[in-house]
């Protein structure tokens, strides 16, 4: 599991979120991780919520790194409606990863367009996390991976 916030937290230790240096360092960490894993033929899951501070060409770069090493990228979308998302924002588990925990701040960011991302590839699988449990979602992702391997 290559959790998005591993790179975010490292970059935040040096730079303000969204600053040019933060964006460059976060992407460098992400892409270096992908390149090293791909070179070692390591499969991994990368959690990622695209938002406005991510460079528009990041997904293409990440995909190119993995595929040029002979790997395959499978996109999975975990979805819930905005009300469900707001209900989760204050969960204590989010604090452990330095995630946004204020509904008011989320709304201000949302309304300012902070969560806009121009283009995301069509997912091979889309899971509504308001309907499915984490265990069922994981099982469905495992099934997707098994099907893709055959």
Protein backbone atom coordinates (compact mmCIF):
# COMPACT_ATOMS: atom_id res chain seq x y z
CA UNK A 1 0.00 0.00 0.00
CA UNK A 2 1.49 3.29 -1.12
CA UNK A 3 -0.70 5.74 0.76
CA UNK A 4 -0.99 9.17 -0.84
CA UNK A 5 -0.29 10.92 2.45
CA UNK A 6 3.16 9.35 2.81
CA UNK A 7 4.39 11.76 0.15
CA UNK A 8 2.07 14.57 1.25
CA UNK A 9 3.36 14.39 4.82
CA UNK A 10 6.99 14.35 3.69
CA UNK A 11 6.48 17.38 1.46
CA UNK A 12 4.48 19.19 4.17
CA UNK A 13 7.39 18.82 6.56
CA UNK A 14 9.27 21.28 4.35
CA UNK A 15 6.76 23.30 2.36
CA UNK A 16 3.26 24.76 2.56
CA UNK A 17 0.54 22.64 0.92
CA UNK A 18 0.06 23.65 -2.70
CA UNK A 19 3.21 25.75 -2.95
CA UNK A 20 5.29 25.10 -6.08
CA UNK A 21 8.03 23.38 -4.06
CA UNK A 22 5.45 21.20 -2.27
CA UNK A 23 3.86 20.15 -5.56
CA UNK A 24 7.24 19.30 -7.12
CA UNK A 25 8.50 17.33 -4.12
CA UNK A 26 5.24 15.39 -3.64
CA UNK A 27 5.20 14.38 -7.31
CA UNK A 28 8.89 13.45 -7.22
CA UNK A 29 8.27 11.14 -4.26
CA UNK A 30 5.21 9.57 -5.90
CA UNK A 31 6.93 8.96 -9.24
CA UNK A 32 10.18 7.74 -7.68
CA UNK A 33 8.18 5.22 -5.65
CA UNK A 34 6.39 4.00 -8.77
CA UNK A 35 9.65 3.72 -10.71
CA UNK A 36 11.42 1.75 -7.98
CA UNK A 37 8.46 -0.60 -7.46
CA UNK A 38 8.08 -1.14 -11.20
CA UNK A 39 11.81 -1.83 -11.59
CA UNK A 40 11.54 -4.49 -8.86
CA UNK A 41 8.35 -5.95 -10.38
CA UNK A 42 6.42 -5.08 -7.22
CA UNK A 43 2.66 -4.76 -7.31
CA UNK A 44 1.16 -2.06 -5.14
CA UNK A 45 -1.97 -0.10 -4.43
CA UNK A 46 -1.73 3.68 -4.58
CA UNK A 47 -4.46 5.66 -2.85
CA UNK A 48 -5.07 8.99 -4.51
CA UNK A 49 -7.73 11.69 -4.53
CA UNK A 50 -6.95 14.01 -7.42
CA UNK A 51 -7.30 17.69 -6.63
CA UNK A 52 -6.27 21.04 -8.03
CA UNK A 53 -2.68 21.07 -6.69
CA UNK A 54 -1.83 17.87 -8.62
CA UNK A 55 -0.25 18.51 -12.00
CA UNK A 56 -2.68 17.57 -14.81
CA UNK A 57 -0.10 15.27 -16.44
CA UNK A 58 0.70 13.36 -13.22
CA UNK A 59 -1.56 10.37 -13.95
CA UNK A 60 -0.08 9.98 -17.43
CA UNK A 61 3.46 10.13 -16.05
CA UNK A 62 2.66 7.54 -13.39
CA UNK A 63 1.03 5.23 -15.91
CA UNK A 64 3.98 5.59 -18.32
CA UNK A 65 6.47 4.67 -15.60
CA UNK A 66 4.62 1.50 -14.66
CA UNK A 67 3.77 0.41 -18.20
CA UNK A 68 7.27 1.09 -19.55
CA UNK A 69 8.55 -1.42 -16.97
CA UNK A 70 6.03 -4.01 -18.18
CA UNK A 71 3.46 -3.34 -15.48
CA UNK A 72 -0.23 -2.68 -15.71
CA UNK A 73 -2.30 0.05 -14.09
CA UNK A 74 -5.86 -0.62 -12.99
CA UNK A 75 -7.94 2.35 -11.89
CA UNK A 76 -10.55 1.87 -9.18
CA UNK A 77 -12.90 4.66 -8.14
CA UNK A 78 -14.18 4.69 -4.58
CA UNK A 79 -17.23 6.95 -4.51
CA UNK A 80 -19.76 8.41 -2.14
CA UNK A 81 -21.99 11.45 -2.40
CA UNK A 82 -20.97 14.80 -0.95
CA UNK A 83 -23.17 14.37 2.12
CA UNK A 84 -21.55 11.02 2.87
CA UNK A 85 -18.10 12.52 2.39
CA UNK A 86 -18.86 15.37 4.77
CA UNK A 87 -20.04 12.83 7.34
CA UNK A 88 -16.65 11.11 7.22
CA UNK A 89 -14.46 14.20 7.42
CA UNK A 90 -14.50 14.42 11.20
CA UNK A 91 -13.56 10.75 11.72
CA UNK A 92 -10.67 10.44 14.16
CA UNK A 93 -8.82 8.08 11.79
CA UNK A 94 -8.29 11.00 9.38
CA UNK A 95 -6.25 12.92 11.96
CA UNK A 96 -3.62 10.18 12.06
CA UNK A 97 -2.79 10.90 8.42
CA UNK A 98 -2.96 14.69 8.65
CA UNK A 99 -6.08 14.74 6.48
CA UNK A 100 -8.66 17.47 6.38
CA UNK A 101 -10.95 17.11 9.42
CA UNK A 102 -13.05 20.29 9.29
CA UNK A 103 -16.36 20.20 7.42
CA UNK A 104 -16.33 24.00 7.19
CA UNK A 105 -12.84 24.01 5.68
CA UNK A 106 -13.86 21.22 3.28
CA UNK A 107 -16.88 23.24 2.11
CA UNK A 108 -14.77 26.37 1.60
CA UNK A 109 -12.18 24.41 -0.38
CA UNK A 110 -14.86 22.62 -2.41
CA UNK A 111 -16.63 25.87 -3.22
CA UNK A 112 -13.31 27.45 -4.27
CA UNK A 113 -12.65 24.58 -6.73
CA UNK A 114 -9.79 22.98 -4.77
CA UNK A 115 -10.98 19.46 -5.57
CA UNK A 116 -11.24 20.01 -9.31
CA UNK A 117 -9.06 17.79 -11.46
CA UNK A 118 -9.31 18.04 -15.24
CA UNK A 119 -9.23 14.41 -16.29
CA UNK A 120 -9.20 11.02 -14.62
CA UNK A 121 -9.06 7.77 -16.62
CA UNK A 122 -12.18 5.63 -16.77
CA UNK A 123 -12.00 3.21 -13.84
CA UNK A 124 -11.97 -0.53 -14.42
CA UNK A 125 -14.14 -0.72 -11.31
CA UNK A 126 -16.26 1.82 -9.42
CA UNK A 127 -17.37 1.11 -5.86
CA UNK A 128 -19.89 3.11 -3.85
CA UNK A 129 -18.44 3.07 -0.35
CA UNK A 130 -21.74 4.14 1.18
CA UNK A 131 -23.27 0.86 0.03
CA UNK A 132 -20.31 -1.52 0.29
CA UNK A 133 -18.33 -2.35 3.41
CA UNK A 134 -14.55 -1.96 3.34
CA UNK A 135 -14.21 -5.77 3.31
CA UNK A 136 -16.59 -6.15 0.36
CA UNK A 137 -14.85 -3.34 -1.51
CA UNK A 138 -11.49 -5.06 -0.94
CA UNK A 139 -12.89 -8.38 -2.19
CA UNK A 140 -14.14 -6.74 -5.36
CA UNK A 141 -10.78 -5.10 -5.97
CA UNK A 142 -9.04 -8.45 -5.41
CA UNK A 143 -11.38 -10.03 -7.95
CA UNK A 144 -10.53 -7.31 -10.47
CA UNK A 145 -6.82 -7.93 -9.99
CA UNK A 146 -7.25 -11.69 -10.35
CA UNK A 147 -9.30 -11.24 -13.55
CA UNK A 148 -6.72 -8.85 -14.99
CA UNK A 149 -3.93 -11.37 -14.30
CA UNK A 150 -5.58 -14.07 -16.40
